Amino acid sequence: MNQKLRKLVQQLGEAIHESVSESPQIAGVVADIRRQGFEVMLMLEATIGLNEVEEQPEGALDASGAQHEPAQAEQQGTFTAQDLHFLKSLRISIAGESGEQEDS
């Protein structure tokens, strides 16, 4: 991993930590737990996976066979197979993606 990418991944980790640390919702729940007489130690583990993206020619077909520009996929919110696998590991399903059904 090159130095610039390593620094970006470190910045991502710091941003995640800062988001959790400054979350009013998390702070509220922690305060509620403390009021119940418990001390809270919150430890989170984040796994950041990187895969080099191969350049697609303009007008390439996506997995569903639809033609799109590369930037449109991000705007439309499509997920890669790895995205879906990660979400599934968190017990999150996306309705309409790869046959997954939304949890009730």
PDB file of N, CA and C in Angstrom:
ATOM      1  N   MET A   1       0.860  -1.159   0.000  1.00  0.00           N
ATOM      2  CA  MET A   1       0.000   0.000   0.000  1.00  0.00           C
ATOM      3  C   MET A   1       0.916   1.236   0.000  1.00  0.00           C
ATOM      4  N   ASN A   2       0.629   2.162  -0.919  1.00  0.00           N
ATOM      5  CA  ASN A   2       1.490   3.332  -0.978  1.00  0.00           C
ATOM      6  C   ASN A   2       1.220   4.278   0.189  1.00  0.00           C
ATOM      7  N   GLN A   3       2.139   5.208   0.405  1.00  0.00           N
ATOM      8  CA  GLN A   3       2.078   6.093   1.568  1.00  0.00           C
ATOM      9  C   GLN A   3       0.822   6.970   1.564  1.00  0.00           C
ATOM     10  N   LYS A   4       0.428   7.486   0.386  1.00  0.00           N
ATOM     11  CA  LYS A   4      -0.754   8.345   0.309  1.00  0.00           C
ATOM     12  C   LYS A   4      -2.013   7.560   0.671  1.00  0.00           C
ATOM     13  N   LEU A   5      -2.136   6.332   0.148  1.00  0.00           N
ATOM     14  CA  LEU A   5      -3.295   5.502   0.456  1.00  0.00           C
ATOM     15  C   LEU A   5      -3.325   5.140   1.937  1.00  0.00           C
ATOM     16  N   ARG A   6      -2.171   4.833   2.491  1.00  0.00           N
ATOM     17  CA  ARG A   6      -2.077   4.507   3.919  1.00  0.00           C
ATOM     18  C   ARG A   6      -2.557   5.686   4.769  1.00  0.00           C
ATOM     19  N   LYS A   7      -2.171   6.897   4.386  1.00  0.00           N
ATOM     20  CA  LYS A   7      -2.598   8.094   5.115  1.00  0.00           C
ATOM     21  C   LYS A   7      -4.109   8.288   4.995  1.00  0.00           C
ATOM     22  N   LEU A   8      -4.681   8.035   3.809  1.00  0.00           N
ATOM     23  CA  LEU A   8      -6.124   8.162   3.625  1.00  0.00           C
ATOM     24  C   LEU A   8      -6.889   7.154   4.479  1.00  0.00           C
ATOM     25  N   VAL A   9      -6.391   5.930   4.556  1.00  0.00           N
ATOM     26  CA  VAL A   9      -7.033   4.908   5.388  1.00  0.00           C
ATOM     27  C   VAL A   9      -6.952   5.308   6.863  1.00  0.00           C
ATOM     28  N   GLN A  10      -5.813   5.872   7.273  1.00  0.00           N
ATOM     29  CA  GLN A  10      -5.676   6.353   8.645  1.00  0.00           C
ATOM     30  C   GLN A  10      -6.677   7.475   8.907  1.00  0.00           C
ATOM     31  N   GLN A  11      -6.841   8.390   7.951  1.00  0.00           N
ATOM     32  CA  GLN A  11      -7.806   9.483   8.109  1.00  0.00           C
ATOM     33  C   GLN A  11      -9.227   8.941   8.205  1.00  0.00           C
ATOM     34  N   LEU A  12      -9.529   7.886   7.448  1.00  0.00           N
ATOM     35  CA  LEU A  12     -10.850   7.264   7.531  1.00  0.00           C
ATOM     36  C   LEU A  12     -11.081   6.701   8.930  1.00  0.00           C
ATOM     37  N   GLY A  13     -10.103   6.010   9.462  1.00  0.00           N
ATOM     38  CA  GLY A  13     -10.216   5.471  10.821  1.00  0.00           C
ATOM     39  C   GLY A  13     -10.429   6.566  11.850  1.00  0.00           C
ATOM     40  N   GLU A  14      -9.695   7.660  11.708  1.00  0.00           N
ATOM     41  CA  GLU A  14      -9.847   8.786  12.625  1.00  0.00           C
ATOM     42  C   GLU A  14     -11.228   9.418  12.501  1.00  0.00           C
ATOM     43  N   ALA A  15     -11.744   9.512  11.265  1.00  0.00           N
ATOM     44  CA  ALA A  15     -13.074  10.090  11.051  1.00  0.00           C
ATOM     45  C   ALA A  15     -14.151   9.216  11.680  1.00  0.00           C
ATOM     46  N   ILE A  16     -14.008   7.902  11.559  1.00  0.00           N
ATOM     47  CA  ILE A  16     -14.964   6.972  12.181  1.00  0.00           C
ATOM     48  C   ILE A  16     -14.924   7.140  13.697  1.00  0.00           C
ATOM     49  N   HIS A  17     -13.731   7.177  14.259  1.00  0.00           N
ATOM     50  CA  HIS A  17     -13.582   7.347  15.707  1.00  0.00           C
ATOM     51  C   HIS A  17     -14.216   8.652  16.164  1.00  0.00           C
ATOM     52  N   GLU A  18     -13.941   9.730  15.441  1.00  0.00           N
ATOM     53  CA  GLU A  18     -14.497  11.038  15.803  1.00  0.00           C
ATOM     54  C   GLU A  18     -16.021  11.039  15.714  1.00  0.00           C
ATOM     55  N   SER A  19     -16.560  10.396  14.686  1.00  0.00           N
ATOM     56  CA  SER A  19     -18.018  10.333  14.530  1.00  0.00           C
ATOM     57  C   SER A  19     -18.667   9.627  15.706  1.00  0.00           C
ATOM     58  N   VAL A  20     -18.074   8.521  16.117  1.00  0.00           N
ATOM     59  CA  VAL A  20     -18.621   7.768  17.250  1.00  0.00           C
ATOM     60  C   VAL A  20     -18.439   8.559  18.544  1.00  0.00           C
ATOM     61  N   SER A  21     -17.274   9.155  18.722  1.00  0.00           N
ATOM     62  CA  SER A  21     -16.986   9.897  19.953  1.00  0.00           C
ATOM     63  C   SER A  21     -17.910  11.081  20.137  1.00  0.00           C
ATOM     64  N   GLU A  22     -18.283  11.731  19.047  1.00  0.00           N
ATOM     65  CA  GLU A  22     -19.078  12.952  19.136  1.00  0.00           C
ATOM     66  C   GLU A  22     -20.571  12.718  18.901  1.00  0.00           C
ATOM     67  N   SER A  23     -20.987  11.474  18.797  1.00  0.00           N
ATOM     68  CA  SER A  23     -22.391  11.179  18.548  1.00  0.00           C
ATOM     69  C   SER A  23     -23.242  11.477  19.777  1.00  0.00           C
ATOM     70  N   PRO A  24     -24.209  12.387  19.639  1.00  0.00           N
ATOM     71  CA  PRO A  24     -25.079  12.666  20.783  1.00  0.00           C
ATOM     72  C   PRO A  24     -25.918  11.448  21.179  1.00  0.00           C
ATOM     73  N   GLN A  25     -26.286  10.633  20.206  1.00  0.00           N
ATOM     74  CA  GLN A  25     -27.077   9.443  20.510  1.00  0.00           C
ATOM     75  C   GLN A  25     -26.276   8.457  21.352  1.00  0.00           C
ATOM     76  N   ILE A  26     -25.032   8.225  20.959  1.00  0.00           N
ATOM     77  CA  ILE A  26     -24.179   7.311  21.729  1.00  0.00           C
ATOM     78  C   ILE A  26     -23.926   7.890  23.115  1.00  0.00           C
ATOM     79  N   ALA A  27     -23.637   9.183  23.191  1.00  0.00           N
ATOM     80  CA  ALA A  27     -23.389   9.822  24.493  1.00  0.00           C
ATOM     81  C   ALA A  27     -24.613   9.688  25.400  1.00  0.00           C
ATOM     82  N   GLY A  28     -25.808   9.812  24.838  1.00  0.00           N
ATOM     83  CA  GLY A  28     -27.029   9.681  25.629  1.00  0.00           C
ATOM     84  C   GLY A  28     -27.208   8.290  26.184  1.00  0.00           C
ATOM     85  N   VAL A  29     -26.964   7.299  25.358  1.00  0.00           N
ATOM     86  CA  VAL A  29     -27.109   5.912  25.816  1.00  0.00           C
ATOM     87  C   VAL A  29     -26.054   5.584  26.871  1.00  0.00           C
ATOM     88  N   VAL A  30     -24.826   6.044  26.651  1.00  0.00           N
ATOM     89  CA  VAL A  30     -23.768   5.815  27.641  1.00  0.00           C
ATOM     90  C   VAL A  30     -24.151   6.464  28.974  1.00  0.00           C
ATOM     91  N   ALA A  31     -24.698   7.680  28.921  1.00  0.00           N
ATOM     92  CA  ALA A  31     -25.132   8.357  30.151  1.00  0.00           C
ATOM     93  C   ALA A  31     -26.237   7.566  30.847  1.00  0.00           C
ATOM     94  N   ASP A  32     -27.170   7.016  30.072  1.00  0.00           N
ATOM     95  CA  ASP A  32     -28.233   6.194  30.659  1.00  0.00           C
ATOM     96  C   ASP A  32     -27.672   4.963  31.354  1.00  0.00           C
ATOM     97  N   ILE A  33     -26.693   4.336  30.740  1.00  0.00           N
ATOM     98  CA  ILE A  33     -26.069   3.148  31.348  1.00  0.00           C
ATOM     99  C   ILE A  33     -25.359   3.534  32.644  1.00  0.00           C
ATOM    100  N   ARG A  34     -24.670   4.668  32.617  1.00  0.00           N
ATOM    101  CA  ARG A  34     -23.975   5.121  33.841  1.00  0.00           C
ATOM    102  C   ARG A  34     -24.968   5.421  34.960  1.00  0.00           C
ATOM    103  N   ARG A  35     -26.122   5.976  34.609  1.00  0.00           N
ATOM    104  CA  ARG A  35     -27.155   6.253  35.631  1.00  0.00           C
ATOM    105  C   ARG A  35     -27.667   4.947  36.249  1.00  0.00           C
ATOM    106  N   GLN A  36     -27.528   3.850  35.555  1.00  0.00           N
ATOM    107  CA  GLN A  36     -27.941   2.553  36.085  1.00  0.00           C
ATOM    108  C   GLN A  36     -26.856   1.932  36.965  1.00  0.00           C
ATOM    109  N   GLY A  37     -25.721   2.670  37.135  1.00  0.00           N
ATOM    110  CA  GLY A  37     -24.669   2.214  38.042  1.00  0.00           C
ATOM    111  C   GLY A  37     -23.559   1.424  37.381  1.00  0.00           C
ATOM    112  N   PHE A  38     -23.415   1.552  36.072  1.00  0.00           N
ATOM    113  CA  PHE A  38     -22.370   0.822  35.362  1.00  0.00           C
ATOM    114  C   PHE A  38     -21.393   1.784  34.712  1.00  0.00           C
ATOM    115  N   GLU A  39     -20.144   1.387  34.688  1.00  0.00           N
ATOM    116  CA  GLU A  39     -19.137   2.132  33.935  1.00  0.00           C
ATOM    117  C   GLU A  39     -19.109   1.549  32.517  1.00  0.00           C
ATOM    118  N   VAL A  40     -18.928   2.389  31.540  1.00  0.00           N
ATOM    119  CA  VAL A  40     -18.984   1.952  30.142  1.00  0.00           C
ATOM    120  C   VAL A  40     -17.604   2.044  29.509  1.00  0.00           C
ATOM    121  N   MET A  41     -17.196   0.955  28.877  1.00  0.00           N
ATOM    122  CA  MET A  41     -15.989   0.961  28.068  1.00  0.00           C
ATOM    123  C   MET A  41     -16.427   0.490  26.680  1.00  0.00           C
ATOM    124  N   LEU A  42     -16.373   1.381  25.721  1.00  0.00           N
ATOM    125  CA  LEU A  42     -16.822   1.079  24.369  1.00  0.00           C
ATOM    126  C   LEU A  42     -15.618   0.850  23.478  1.00  0.00           C
ATOM    127  N   MET A  43     -15.534  -0.342  22.905  1.00  0.00           N
ATOM    128  CA  MET A  43     -14.450  -0.679  21.989  1.00  0.00           C
ATOM    129  C   MET A  43     -15.070  -1.137  20.684  1.00  0.00           C
ATOM    130  N   LEU A  44     -14.698  -0.484  19.609  1.00  0.00           N
ATOM    131  CA  LEU A  44     -15.197  -0.848  18.293  1.00  0.00           C
ATOM    132  C   LEU A  44     -14.040  -1.272  17.415  1.00  0.00           C
ATOM    133  N   GLU A  45     -14.313  -2.199  16.544  1.00  0.00           N
ATOM    134  CA  GLU A  45     -13.310  -2.633  15.576  1.00  0.00           C
ATOM    135  C   GLU A  45     -13.860  -2.373  14.187  1.00  0.00           C
ATOM    136  N   ALA A  46     -13.084  -1.700  13.385  1.00  0.00           N
ATOM    137  CA  ALA A  46     -13.490  -1.442  12.003  1.00  0.00           C
ATOM    138  C   ALA A  46     -12.516  -2.149  11.080  1.00  0.00           C
ATOM    139  N   THR A  47     -13.047  -2.876  10.141  1.00  0.00           N
ATOM    140  CA  THR A  47     -12.232  -3.515   9.130  1.00  0.00           C
ATOM    141  C   THR A  47     -12.418  -2.735   7.843  1.00  0.00           C
ATOM    142  N   ILE A  48     -11.324  -2.253   7.304  1.00  0.00           N
ATOM    143  CA  ILE A  48     -11.376  -1.479   6.070  1.00  0.00           C
ATOM    144  C   ILE A  48     -10.720  -2.311   4.983  1.00  0.00           C
ATOM    145  N   GLY A  49     -11.510  -2.700   4.002  1.00  0.00           N
ATOM    146  CA  GLY A  49     -10.998  -3.490   2.889  1.00  0.00           C
ATOM    147  C   GLY A  49     -10.861  -2.626   1.652  1.00  0.00           C
ATOM    148  N   LEU A  50      -9.798  -2.802   0.932  1.00  0.00           N
ATOM    149  CA  LEU A  50      -9.567  -2.032  -0.280  1.00  0.00           C
ATOM    150  C   LEU A  50      -9.372  -2.976  -1.455  1.00  0.00           C
ATOM    151  N   ASN A  51     -10.040  -2.693  -2.529  1.00  0.00           N
ATOM    152  CA  ASN A  51      -9.848  -3.420  -3.768  1.00  0.00           C
ATOM    153  C   ASN A  51      -9.631  -2.407  -4.867  1.00  0.00           C
ATOM    154  N   GLU A  52      -8.586  -2.585  -5.623  1.00  0.00           N
ATOM    155  CA  GLU A  52      -8.312  -1.667  -6.716  1.00  0.00           C
ATOM    156  C   GLU A  52      -9.401  -1.809  -7.770  1.00  0.00           C
ATOM    157  N   VAL A  53      -9.943  -0.684  -8.198  1.00  0.00           N
ATOM    158  CA  VAL A  53     -11.030  -0.673  -9.166  1.00  0.00           C
ATOM    159  C   VAL A  53     -10.433  -0.658 -10.569  1.00  0.00           C
ATOM    160  N   GLU A  54     -10.924  -1.589 -11.385  1.00  0.00           N
ATOM    161  CA  GLU A  54     -10.492  -1.604 -12.774  1.00  0.00           C
ATOM    162  C   GLU A  54     -11.318  -0.589 -13.535  1.00  0.00           C
ATOM    163  N   GLU A  55     -10.669   0.180 -14.391  1.00  0.00           N
ATOM    164  CA  GLU A  55     -11.370   1.181 -15.176  1.00  0.00           C
ATOM    165  C   GLU A  55     -12.307   0.497 -16.158  1.00  0.00           C
ATOM    166  N   GLN A  56     -13.563   0.951 -16.190  1.00  0.00           N
ATOM    167  CA  GLN A  56     -14.562   0.439 -17.124  1.00  0.00           C
ATOM    168  C   GLN A  56     -14.654   1.402 -18.299  1.00  0.00           C
ATOM    169  N   PRO A  57     -14.751   0.891 -19.513  1.00  0.00           N
ATOM    170  CA  PRO A  57     -14.937   1.791 -20.645  1.00  0.00           C
ATOM    171  C   PRO A  57     -16.277   2.498 -20.522  1.00  0.00           C
ATOM    172  N   GLU A  58     -16.352   3.744 -21.031  1.00  0.00           N
ATOM    173  CA  GLU A  58     -17.603   4.492 -20.955  1.00  0.00           C
ATOM    174  C   GLU A  58     -18.703   3.711 -21.633  1.00  0.00           C
ATOM    175  N   GLY A  59     -19.891   3.717 -21.026  1.00  0.00           N
ATOM    176  CA  GLY A  59     -21.028   3.008 -21.600  1.00  0.00           C
ATOM    177  C   GLY A  59     -20.986   1.514 -21.343  1.00  0.00           C
ATOM    178  N   ALA A  60     -20.126   1.062 -20.405  1.00  0.00           N
ATOM    179  CA  ALA A  60     -20.032  -0.375 -20.116  1.00  0.00           C
ATOM    180  C   ALA A  60     -21.310  -0.854 -19.451  1.00  0.00           C
ATOM    181  N   LEU A  61     -21.563  -2.160 -19.544  1.00  0.00           N
ATOM    182  CA  LEU A  61     -22.749  -2.743 -18.920  1.00  0.00           C
ATOM    183  C   LEU A  61     -22.436  -3.089 -17.479  1.00  0.00           C
ATOM    184  N   ASP A  62     -23.408  -2.843 -16.579  1.00  0.00           N
ATOM    185  CA  ASP A  62     -23.223  -3.259 -15.197  1.00  0.00           C
ATOM    186  C   ASP A  62     -23.718  -4.688 -15.032  1.00  0.00           C
ATOM    187  N   ALA A  63     -23.707  -5.204 -13.804  1.00  0.00           N
ATOM    188  CA  ALA A  63     -24.082  -6.601 -13.550  1.00  0.00           C
ATOM    189  C   ALA A  63     -25.505  -6.917 -13.999  1.00  0.00           C
ATOM    190  N   SER A  64     -26.395  -5.931 -13.992  1.00  0.00           N
ATOM    191  CA  SER A  64     -27.774  -6.190 -14.395  1.00  0.00           C
ATOM    192  C   SER A  64     -27.955  -6.086 -15.904  1.00  0.00           C
ATOM    193  N   GLY A  65     -26.892  -5.722 -16.614  1.00  0.00           N
ATOM    194  CA  GLY A  65     -26.977  -5.590 -18.055  1.00  0.00           C
ATOM    195  C   GLY A  65     -27.380  -4.196 -18.501  1.00  0.00           C
ATOM    196  N   ALA A  66     -27.571  -3.282 -17.541  1.00  0.00           N
ATOM    197  CA  ALA A  66     -27.961  -1.917 -17.887  1.00  0.00           C
ATOM    198  C   ALA A  66     -26.726  -1.106 -18.240  1.00  0.00           C
ATOM    199  N   GLN A  67     -26.872  -0.247 -19.230  1.00  0.00           N
ATOM    200  CA  GLN A  67     -25.761   0.591 -19.626  1.00  0.00           C
ATOM    201  C   GLN A  67     -25.774   1.848 -18.775  1.00  0.00           C
ATOM    202  N   HIS A  68     -24.589   2.257 -18.293  1.00  0.00           N
ATOM    203  CA  HIS A  68     -24.517   3.451 -17.468  1.00  0.00           C
ATOM    204  C   HIS A  68     -23.143   4.072 -17.574  1.00  0.00           C
ATOM    205  N   GLU A  69     -23.073   5.316 -17.178  1.00  0.00           N
ATOM    206  CA  GLU A  69     -21.795   6.001 -17.042  1.00  0.00           C
ATOM    207  C   GLU A  69     -21.249   5.636 -15.672  1.00  0.00           C
ATOM    208  N   PRO A  70     -19.919   5.605 -15.482  1.00  0.00           N
ATOM    209  CA  PRO A  70     -19.354   5.211 -14.189  1.00  0.00           C
ATOM    210  C   PRO A  70     -19.894   6.009 -13.003  1.00  0.00           C
ATOM    211  N   ALA A  71     -20.068   7.309 -13.105  1.00  0.00           N
ATOM    212  CA  ALA A  71     -20.533   8.116 -11.968  1.00  0.00           C
ATOM    213  C   ALA A  71     -21.987   7.825 -11.624  1.00  0.00           C
ATOM    214  N   GLN A  72     -22.775   7.352 -12.574  1.00  0.00           N
ATOM    215  CA  GLN A  72     -24.186   7.108 -12.321  1.00  0.00           C
ATOM    216  C   GLN A  72     -24.401   5.981 -11.320  1.00  0.00           C
ATOM    217  N   ALA A  73     -23.555   4.976 -11.316  1.00  0.00           N
ATOM    218  CA  ALA A  73     -23.726   3.846 -10.396  1.00  0.00           C
ATOM    219  C   ALA A  73     -23.700   4.335  -8.956  1.00  0.00           C
ATOM    220  N   GLU A  74     -22.783   5.267  -8.637  1.00  0.00           N
ATOM    221  CA  GLU A  74     -22.712   5.788  -7.285  1.00  0.00           C
ATOM    222  C   GLU A  74     -23.954   6.603  -6.956  1.00  0.00           C
ATOM    223  N   GLN A  75     -24.428   7.397  -7.912  1.00  0.00           N
ATOM    224  CA  GLN A  75     -25.594   8.223  -7.666  1.00  0.00           C
ATOM    225  C   GLN A  75     -26.840   7.368  -7.478  1.00  0.00           C
ATOM    226  N   GLN A  76     -26.922   6.237  -8.166  1.00  0.00           N
ATOM    227  CA  GLN A  76     -28.092   5.382  -8.080  1.00  0.00           C
ATOM    228  C   GLN A  76     -28.051   4.491  -6.851  1.00  0.00           C
ATOM    229  N   GLY A  77     -26.917   4.418  -6.159  1.00  0.00           N
ATOM    230  CA  GLY A  77     -26.828   3.634  -4.938  1.00  0.00           C
ATOM    231  C   GLY A  77     -26.693   2.136  -5.176  1.00  0.00           C
ATOM    232  N   THR A  78     -26.096   1.728  -6.288  1.00  0.00           N
ATOM    233  CA  THR A  78     -25.914   0.303  -6.517  1.00  0.00           C
ATOM    234  C   THR A  78     -24.786  -0.213  -5.628  1.00  0.00           C
ATOM    235  N   PHE A  79     -24.860  -1.494  -5.285  1.00  0.00           N
ATOM    236  CA  PHE A  79     -23.882  -2.101  -4.404  1.00  0.00           C
ATOM    237  C   PHE A  79     -23.114  -3.183  -5.143  1.00  0.00           C
ATOM    238  N   THR A  80     -21.832  -3.328  -4.822  1.00  0.00           N
ATOM    239  CA  THR A  80     -21.048  -4.428  -5.356  1.00  0.00           C
ATOM    240  C   THR A  80     -21.359  -5.684  -4.545  1.00  0.00           C
ATOM    241  N   ALA A  81     -20.919  -6.822  -5.046  1.00  0.00           N
ATOM    242  CA  ALA A  81     -21.117  -8.077  -4.313  1.00  0.00           C
ATOM    243  C   ALA A  81     -20.429  -8.007  -2.950  1.00  0.00           C
ATOM    244  N   GLN A  82     -19.271  -7.337  -2.891  1.00  0.00           N
ATOM    245  CA  GLN A  82     -18.557  -7.199  -1.616  1.00  0.00           C
ATOM    246  C   GLN A  82     -19.337  -6.303  -0.655  1.00  0.00           C
ATOM    247  N   ASP A  83     -19.956  -5.234  -1.176  1.00  0.00           N
ATOM    248  CA  ASP A  83     -20.795  -4.380  -0.335  1.00  0.00           C
ATOM    249  C   ASP A  83     -21.917  -5.204   0.289  1.00  0.00           C
ATOM    250  N   LEU A  84     -22.585  -5.995  -0.543  1.00  0.00           N
ATOM    251  CA  LEU A  84     -23.708  -6.799  -0.060  1.00  0.00           C
ATOM    252  C   LEU A  84     -23.259  -7.829   0.967  1.00  0.00           C
ATOM    253  N   HIS A  85     -22.087  -8.429   0.724  1.00  0.00           N
ATOM    254  CA  HIS A  85     -21.553  -9.410   1.674  1.00  0.00           C
ATOM    255  C   HIS A  85     -21.278  -8.739   3.020  1.00  0.00           C
ATOM    256  N   PHE A  86     -20.676  -7.547   2.987  1.00  0.00           N
ATOM    257  CA  PHE A  86     -20.386  -6.824   4.217  1.00  0.00           C
ATOM    258  C   PHE A  86     -21.670  -6.474   4.962  1.00  0.00           C
ATOM    259  N   LEU A  87     -22.651  -5.945   4.225  1.00  0.00           N
ATOM    260  CA  LEU A  87     -23.920  -5.594   4.859  1.00  0.00           C
ATOM    261  C   LEU A  87     -24.597  -6.826   5.443  1.00  0.00           C
ATOM    262  N   LYS A  88     -24.536  -7.942   4.718  1.00  0.00           N
ATOM    263  CA  LYS A  88     -25.139  -9.180   5.214  1.00  0.00           C
ATOM    264  C   LYS A  88     -24.448  -9.634   6.499  1.00  0.00           C
ATOM    265  N   SER A  89     -23.112  -9.436   6.587  1.00  0.00           N
ATOM    266  CA  SER A  89     -22.393  -9.820   7.807  1.00  0.00           C
ATOM    267  C   SER A  89     -22.845  -8.995   9.000  1.00  0.00           C
ATOM    268  N   LEU A  90     -23.386  -7.797   8.735  1.00  0.00           N
ATOM    269  CA  LEU A  90     -23.934  -6.950   9.787  1.00  0.00           C
ATOM    270  C   LEU A  90     -25.423  -7.190   9.983  1.00  0.00           C
ATOM    271  N   ARG A  91     -25.948  -8.210   9.287  1.00  0.00           N
ATOM    272  CA  ARG A  91     -27.375  -8.555   9.318  1.00  0.00           C
ATOM    273  C   ARG A  91     -28.247  -7.421   8.766  1.00  0.00           C
ATOM    274  N   ILE A  92     -27.723  -6.781   7.706  1.00  0.00           N
ATOM    275  CA  ILE A  92     -28.460  -5.732   7.012  1.00  0.00           C
ATOM    276  C   ILE A  92     -28.722  -6.234   5.606  1.00  0.00           C
ATOM    277  N   SER A  93     -29.980  -6.194   5.193  1.00  0.00           N
ATOM    278  CA  SER A  93     -30.288  -6.604   3.829  1.00  0.00           C
ATOM    279  C   SER A  93     -30.869  -5.425   3.080  1.00  0.00           C
ATOM    280  N   ILE A  94     -30.673  -5.436   1.786  1.00  0.00           N
ATOM    281  CA  ILE A  94     -31.142  -4.370   0.919  1.00  0.00           C
ATOM    282  C   ILE A  94     -32.190  -4.960  -0.010  1.00  0.00           C
ATOM    283  N   ALA A  95     -33.394  -4.432   0.065  1.00  0.00           N
ATOM    284  CA  ALA A  95     -34.475  -4.917  -0.790  1.00  0.00           C
ATOM    285  C   ALA A  95     -34.122  -4.648  -2.241  1.00  0.00           C
ATOM    286  N   GLY A  96     -34.294  -5.649  -3.089  1.00  0.00           N
ATOM    287  CA  GLY A  96     -34.072  -5.493  -4.517  1.00  0.00           C
ATOM    288  C   GLY A  96     -32.649  -5.722  -4.967  1.00  0.00           C
ATOM    289  N   GLU A  97     -31.715  -5.973  -4.079  1.00  0.00           N
ATOM    290  CA  GLU A  97     -30.329  -6.222  -4.451  1.00  0.00           C
ATOM    291  C   GLU A  97     -30.039  -7.713  -4.365  1.00  0.00           C
ATOM    292  N   SER A  98     -29.641  -8.313  -5.438  1.00  0.00           N
ATOM    293  CA  SER A  98     -29.201  -9.713  -5.500  1.00  0.00           C
ATOM    294  C   SER A  98     -30.153 -10.671  -4.828  1.00  0.00           C
ATOM    295  N   GLY A  99     -31.457 -10.424  -4.975  1.00  0.00           N
ATOM    296  CA  GLY A  99     -32.439 -11.341  -4.427  1.00  0.00           C
ATOM    297  C   GLY A  99     -32.615 -11.254  -2.939  1.00  0.00           C
ATOM    298  N   GLU A 100     -31.915 -10.310  -2.273  1.00  0.00           N
ATOM    299  CA  GLU A 100     -32.060 -10.157  -0.833  1.00  0.00           C
ATOM    300  C   GLU A 100     -33.442  -9.594  -0.525  1.00  0.00           C
ATOM    301  N   GLN A 101     -34.004  -9.983   0.593  1.00  0.00           N
ATOM    302  CA  GLN A 101     -35.282  -9.451   1.012  1.00  0.00           C
ATOM    303  C   GLN A 101     -35.057  -8.569   2.219  1.00  0.00           C
ATOM    304  N   GLU A 102     -35.839  -7.507   2.293  1.00  0.00           N
ATOM    305  CA  GLU A 102     -35.714  -6.589   3.426  1.00  0.00           C
ATOM    306  C   GLU A 102     -36.215  -7.269   4.689  1.00  0.00           C
ATOM    307  N   ASP A 103     -35.441  -7.113   5.800  1.00  0.00           N
ATOM    308  CA  ASP A 103     -35.851  -7.683   7.085  1.00  0.00           C
ATOM    309  C   ASP A 103     -37.088  -6.955   7.582  1.00  0.00           C
ATOM    310  N   SER A 104     -38.006  -7.698   8.249  1.00  0.00           N
ATOM    311  CA  SER A 104     -39.214  -7.055   8.800  1.00  0.00           C
ATOM    312  C   SER A 104     -38.988  -6.666  10.231  1.00  0.00           C
TER     313      SER A 104
END
